[in-house]
């Protein structure tokens, strides 16, 4: 990721938008990287005979991102909603291959 200009150092909306666009591309790249870990999870779950959805793991992930959100000064409810959508997408991706759900 390129070095970003601090928000307070952005002198105009166009300059600020450029930085937001950089962050958005970086976030998408991170989500794509996360998906490669989901692909590996599919393989490991198949080897172990595990289902796509493991409820305790889902709640563990949600609890961790809520705590991270709080620590970063973000709304934990928003982050939970976003992550539950991401988790549901990931589980659906796994279930297509594993054949459950």
N, C-alpha and C. Protein backbone atom coordinates (compact mmCIF):
# COMPACT_ATOMS: atom_id res chain seq x y z
N UNK A 1 0.84 -1.18 0.00
CA UNK A 1 0.00 0.00 0.00
C UNK A 1 0.88 1.23 0.00
N UNK A 2 0.50 2.20 -0.79
CA UNK A 2 1.28 3.43 -0.84
C UNK A 2 1.13 4.20 0.46
N UNK A 3 2.07 5.05 0.74
CA UNK A 3 1.96 5.90 1.92
C UNK A 3 0.83 6.90 1.71
N UNK A 4 -0.09 6.90 2.63
CA UNK A 4 -1.22 7.80 2.53
C UNK A 4 -0.90 9.15 3.15
N UNK A 5 -1.57 10.15 2.63
CA UNK A 5 -1.50 11.48 3.24
C UNK A 5 -2.47 11.46 4.41
N UNK A 6 -2.08 12.03 5.51
CA UNK A 6 -2.96 12.13 6.67
C UNK A 6 -4.22 12.90 6.29
N UNK A 7 -5.39 12.50 6.82
CA UNK A 7 -6.62 13.24 6.49
C UNK A 7 -6.51 14.74 6.77
N UNK A 8 -5.85 15.11 7.86
CA UNK A 8 -5.74 16.55 8.16
C UNK A 8 -4.83 17.28 7.17
N UNK A 9 -3.98 16.54 6.47
CA UNK A 9 -3.10 17.16 5.48
C UNK A 9 -3.70 17.23 4.09
N UNK A 10 -4.90 16.68 3.92
CA UNK A 10 -5.59 16.78 2.63
C UNK A 10 -6.22 18.17 2.56
N UNK A 11 -5.79 18.94 1.57
CA UNK A 11 -6.22 20.34 1.47
C UNK A 11 -7.52 20.52 0.68
N UNK A 12 -7.96 19.47 0.00
CA UNK A 12 -9.17 19.61 -0.82
C UNK A 12 -9.92 18.29 -0.85
N UNK A 13 -11.17 18.36 -1.25
CA UNK A 13 -11.97 17.14 -1.40
C UNK A 13 -11.39 16.20 -2.46
N UNK A 14 -10.95 16.70 -3.61
CA UNK A 14 -10.35 15.78 -4.58
C UNK A 14 -9.14 15.03 -4.02
N UNK A 15 -8.31 15.74 -3.27
CA UNK A 15 -7.14 15.11 -2.66
C UNK A 15 -7.57 14.06 -1.63
N UNK A 16 -8.58 14.39 -0.84
CA UNK A 16 -9.10 13.46 0.16
C UNK A 16 -9.69 12.22 -0.52
N UNK A 17 -10.42 12.44 -1.60
CA UNK A 17 -11.03 11.32 -2.33
C UNK A 17 -9.99 10.38 -2.92
N UNK A 18 -8.89 10.93 -3.38
CA UNK A 18 -7.80 10.09 -3.90
C UNK A 18 -7.30 9.15 -2.80
N UNK A 19 -7.15 9.68 -1.61
CA UNK A 19 -6.66 8.86 -0.49
C UNK A 19 -7.70 7.80 -0.10
N UNK A 20 -8.97 8.18 -0.09
CA UNK A 20 -10.02 7.21 0.21
C UNK A 20 -10.02 6.11 -0.85
N UNK A 21 -9.86 6.48 -2.12
CA UNK A 21 -9.80 5.49 -3.20
C UNK A 21 -8.63 4.52 -3.01
N UNK A 22 -7.49 5.05 -2.56
CA UNK A 22 -6.34 4.17 -2.27
C UNK A 22 -6.69 3.18 -1.16
N UNK A 23 -7.31 3.68 -0.12
CA UNK A 23 -7.72 2.81 0.99
C UNK A 23 -8.71 1.75 0.53
N UNK A 24 -9.67 2.16 -0.29
CA UNK A 24 -10.66 1.20 -0.80
C UNK A 24 -9.99 0.08 -1.58
N UNK A 25 -9.05 0.43 -2.46
CA UNK A 25 -8.34 -0.61 -3.22
C UNK A 25 -7.57 -1.54 -2.29
N UNK A 26 -6.96 -0.97 -1.26
CA UNK A 26 -6.22 -1.78 -0.30
C UNK A 26 -7.16 -2.72 0.47
N UNK A 27 -8.31 -2.20 0.89
CA UNK A 27 -9.28 -3.04 1.59
C UNK A 27 -9.77 -4.19 0.71
N UNK A 28 -10.04 -3.90 -0.56
CA UNK A 28 -10.48 -4.95 -1.48
C UNK A 28 -9.37 -5.99 -1.65
N UNK A 29 -8.15 -5.55 -1.76
CA UNK A 29 -7.02 -6.48 -1.88
C UNK A 29 -6.91 -7.36 -0.63
N UNK A 30 -7.12 -6.78 0.54
CA UNK A 30 -7.09 -7.57 1.77
C UNK A 30 -8.23 -8.59 1.80
N UNK A 31 -9.40 -8.20 1.36
CA UNK A 31 -10.53 -9.13 1.32
C UNK A 31 -10.26 -10.26 0.32
N UNK A 32 -9.62 -9.94 -0.80
CA UNK A 32 -9.25 -10.98 -1.76
C UNK A 32 -8.24 -11.95 -1.14
N UNK A 33 -7.30 -11.43 -0.39
CA UNK A 33 -6.32 -12.27 0.32
C UNK A 33 -7.04 -13.14 1.34
N UNK A 34 -7.99 -12.58 2.06
CA UNK A 34 -8.76 -13.34 3.04
C UNK A 34 -9.47 -14.51 2.35
N UNK A 35 -9.98 -14.27 1.14
CA UNK A 35 -10.68 -15.32 0.39
C UNK A 35 -9.75 -16.50 0.08
N UNK A 36 -8.45 -16.23 -0.10
CA UNK A 36 -7.53 -17.34 -0.34
C UNK A 36 -7.40 -18.23 0.90
N UNK A 37 -7.56 -17.64 2.08
CA UNK A 37 -7.55 -18.42 3.31
C UNK A 37 -8.84 -19.23 3.44
N UNK A 38 -9.93 -18.67 2.96
CA UNK A 38 -11.19 -19.41 2.95
C UNK A 38 -11.06 -20.61 2.02
N UNK A 39 -10.41 -20.42 0.87
CA UNK A 39 -10.18 -21.54 -0.04
C UNK A 39 -9.39 -22.66 0.64
N UNK A 40 -8.40 -22.28 1.41
CA UNK A 40 -7.63 -23.30 2.15
C UNK A 40 -8.49 -23.94 3.23
N UNK A 41 -9.34 -23.16 3.88
CA UNK A 41 -10.25 -23.71 4.89
C UNK A 41 -11.14 -24.77 4.26
N UNK A 42 -11.59 -24.53 3.03
CA UNK A 42 -12.41 -25.53 2.33
C UNK A 42 -11.65 -26.85 2.24
N UNK A 43 -10.40 -26.79 1.81
CA UNK A 43 -9.60 -28.00 1.67
C UNK A 43 -9.46 -28.71 3.01
N UNK A 44 -9.13 -27.96 4.05
CA UNK A 44 -8.92 -28.57 5.36
C UNK A 44 -10.22 -29.13 5.94
N UNK A 45 -11.31 -28.41 5.74
CA UNK A 45 -12.60 -28.91 6.23
C UNK A 45 -12.99 -30.20 5.51
N UNK A 46 -12.70 -30.29 4.22
CA UNK A 46 -12.99 -31.51 3.48
C UNK A 46 -12.15 -32.68 4.02
N UNK A 47 -10.89 -32.44 4.26
CA UNK A 47 -10.01 -33.48 4.79
C UNK A 47 -10.51 -33.98 6.15
N UNK A 48 -10.98 -33.04 6.97
CA UNK A 48 -11.41 -33.38 8.33
C UNK A 48 -12.88 -33.76 8.43
N UNK A 49 -13.62 -33.63 7.33
CA UNK A 49 -15.04 -33.95 7.36
C UNK A 49 -15.87 -32.94 8.13
N UNK A 50 -15.41 -31.69 8.16
CA UNK A 50 -16.11 -30.64 8.90
C UNK A 50 -17.10 -29.93 7.99
N UNK A 51 -18.16 -29.38 8.58
CA UNK A 51 -19.12 -28.63 7.78
C UNK A 51 -18.60 -27.23 7.45
N UNK A 52 -19.26 -26.59 6.50
CA UNK A 52 -18.88 -25.22 6.15
C UNK A 52 -19.11 -24.28 7.33
N UNK A 53 -20.27 -24.41 7.97
CA UNK A 53 -20.60 -23.51 9.09
C UNK A 53 -20.26 -24.18 10.42
N UNK A 54 -19.42 -23.51 11.17
CA UNK A 54 -19.09 -23.94 12.53
C UNK A 54 -19.50 -22.78 13.44
N UNK A 55 -20.71 -22.87 14.02
CA UNK A 55 -21.28 -21.72 14.75
C UNK A 55 -20.37 -21.11 15.82
N UNK A 56 -19.67 -21.94 16.58
CA UNK A 56 -18.79 -21.39 17.61
C UNK A 56 -17.69 -20.52 17.00
N UNK A 57 -17.17 -20.95 15.85
CA UNK A 57 -16.12 -20.18 15.17
C UNK A 57 -16.69 -18.86 14.65
N UNK A 58 -17.90 -18.90 14.11
CA UNK A 58 -18.53 -17.67 13.62
C UNK A 58 -18.62 -16.65 14.76
N UNK A 59 -19.12 -17.09 15.90
CA UNK A 59 -19.29 -16.17 17.03
C UNK A 59 -17.96 -15.69 17.57
N UNK A 60 -16.93 -16.53 17.52
CA UNK A 60 -15.59 -16.14 17.95
C UNK A 60 -15.05 -15.03 17.04
N UNK A 61 -15.20 -15.20 15.74
CA UNK A 61 -14.74 -14.19 14.79
C UNK A 61 -15.47 -12.87 15.02
N UNK A 62 -16.79 -12.95 15.18
CA UNK A 62 -17.59 -11.73 15.39
C UNK A 62 -17.16 -11.03 16.68
N UNK A 63 -16.96 -11.78 17.74
CA UNK A 63 -16.53 -11.17 19.00
C UNK A 63 -15.19 -10.47 18.84
N UNK A 64 -14.27 -11.09 18.13
CA UNK A 64 -12.94 -10.50 17.94
C UNK A 64 -13.01 -9.21 17.12
N UNK A 65 -13.81 -9.21 16.05
CA UNK A 65 -13.87 -7.98 15.24
C UNK A 65 -14.62 -6.87 15.97
N UNK A 66 -15.58 -7.23 16.81
CA UNK A 66 -16.26 -6.21 17.63
C UNK A 66 -15.26 -5.55 18.58
N UNK A 67 -14.42 -6.36 19.22
CA UNK A 67 -13.41 -5.81 20.14
C UNK A 67 -12.41 -4.94 19.39
N UNK A 68 -12.00 -5.39 18.21
CA UNK A 68 -11.07 -4.60 17.40
C UNK A 68 -11.71 -3.28 17.01
N UNK A 69 -12.99 -3.32 16.62
CA UNK A 69 -13.70 -2.10 16.25
C UNK A 69 -13.72 -1.11 17.42
N UNK A 70 -14.05 -1.62 18.60
CA UNK A 70 -14.07 -0.75 19.79
C UNK A 70 -12.71 -0.11 20.00
N UNK A 71 -11.66 -0.92 19.91
CA UNK A 71 -10.30 -0.42 20.14
C UNK A 71 -9.90 0.63 19.10
N UNK A 72 -10.45 0.51 17.90
CA UNK A 72 -10.12 1.45 16.81
C UNK A 72 -11.08 2.63 16.74
N UNK A 73 -12.06 2.67 17.65
CA UNK A 73 -13.00 3.77 17.67
C UNK A 73 -14.09 3.68 16.61
N UNK A 74 -14.36 2.47 16.14
CA UNK A 74 -15.43 2.25 15.17
C UNK A 74 -16.66 1.69 15.85
N UNK A 75 -17.79 1.84 15.20
CA UNK A 75 -19.05 1.32 15.71
C UNK A 75 -19.03 -0.21 15.62
N UNK A 76 -19.00 -0.92 16.77
CA UNK A 76 -18.94 -2.38 16.73
C UNK A 76 -20.17 -3.02 16.08
N UNK A 77 -21.33 -2.36 16.16
CA UNK A 77 -22.53 -2.91 15.52
C UNK A 77 -22.39 -2.88 14.00
N UNK A 78 -21.84 -1.81 13.47
CA UNK A 78 -21.60 -1.73 12.03
C UNK A 78 -20.62 -2.81 11.60
N UNK A 79 -19.53 -2.93 12.32
CA UNK A 79 -18.51 -3.92 11.97
C UNK A 79 -19.09 -5.33 12.06
N UNK A 80 -19.92 -5.58 13.07
CA UNK A 80 -20.54 -6.90 13.17
C UNK A 80 -21.42 -7.18 11.95
N UNK A 81 -22.22 -6.21 11.54
CA UNK A 81 -23.08 -6.42 10.37
C UNK A 81 -22.24 -6.71 9.13
N UNK A 82 -21.17 -5.94 8.93
CA UNK A 82 -20.30 -6.16 7.78
C UNK A 82 -19.66 -7.54 7.83
N UNK A 83 -19.18 -7.92 9.00
CA UNK A 83 -18.48 -9.20 9.12
C UNK A 83 -19.44 -10.38 9.00
N UNK A 84 -20.64 -10.24 9.52
CA UNK A 84 -21.60 -11.33 9.36
C UNK A 84 -21.92 -11.54 7.88
N UNK A 85 -22.00 -10.47 7.12
CA UNK A 85 -22.20 -10.59 5.67
C UNK A 85 -20.99 -11.28 5.03
N UNK A 86 -19.80 -10.87 5.42
CA UNK A 86 -18.57 -11.49 4.90
C UNK A 86 -18.51 -12.97 5.28
N UNK A 87 -18.83 -13.28 6.51
CA UNK A 87 -18.82 -14.67 6.98
C UNK A 87 -19.86 -15.49 6.22
N UNK A 88 -21.05 -14.95 6.05
CA UNK A 88 -22.09 -15.68 5.31
C UNK A 88 -21.64 -15.96 3.88
N UNK A 89 -21.02 -14.97 3.25
CA UNK A 89 -20.49 -15.17 1.90
C UNK A 89 -19.43 -16.26 1.89
N UNK A 90 -18.54 -16.23 2.87
CA UNK A 90 -17.47 -17.22 2.96
C UNK A 90 -18.03 -18.62 3.17
N UNK A 91 -19.02 -18.74 4.04
CA UNK A 91 -19.62 -20.04 4.32
C UNK A 91 -20.35 -20.56 3.08
N UNK A 92 -21.04 -19.68 2.38
CA UNK A 92 -21.72 -20.10 1.15
C UNK A 92 -20.72 -20.59 0.13
N UNK A 93 -19.58 -19.93 0.05
CA UNK A 93 -18.50 -20.33 -0.86
C UNK A 93 -17.99 -21.72 -0.47
N UNK A 94 -17.78 -21.93 0.83
CA UNK A 94 -17.34 -23.23 1.31
C UNK A 94 -18.39 -24.31 1.05
N UNK A 95 -19.65 -23.98 1.34
CA UNK A 95 -20.72 -24.97 1.22
C UNK A 95 -20.90 -25.45 -0.22
N UNK A 96 -20.65 -24.59 -1.20
CA UNK A 96 -20.76 -24.99 -2.59
C UNK A 96 -19.79 -26.13 -2.91
N UNK A 97 -18.62 -26.07 -2.33
CA UNK A 97 -17.60 -27.09 -2.59
C UNK A 97 -17.81 -28.30 -1.69
N UNK A 98 -18.03 -28.04 -0.42
CA UNK A 98 -18.17 -29.13 0.55
C UNK A 98 -19.48 -29.88 0.34
N UNK A 99 -20.50 -29.16 -0.10
CA UNK A 99 -21.77 -29.79 -0.39
C UNK A 99 -22.72 -29.87 0.78
N UNK A 100 -22.61 -28.93 1.71
CA UNK A 100 -23.57 -28.89 2.81
C UNK A 100 -24.23 -27.53 2.86
N UNK A 101 -25.07 -27.33 3.86
CA UNK A 101 -25.84 -26.08 4.09
C UNK A 101 -27.10 -26.15 3.27
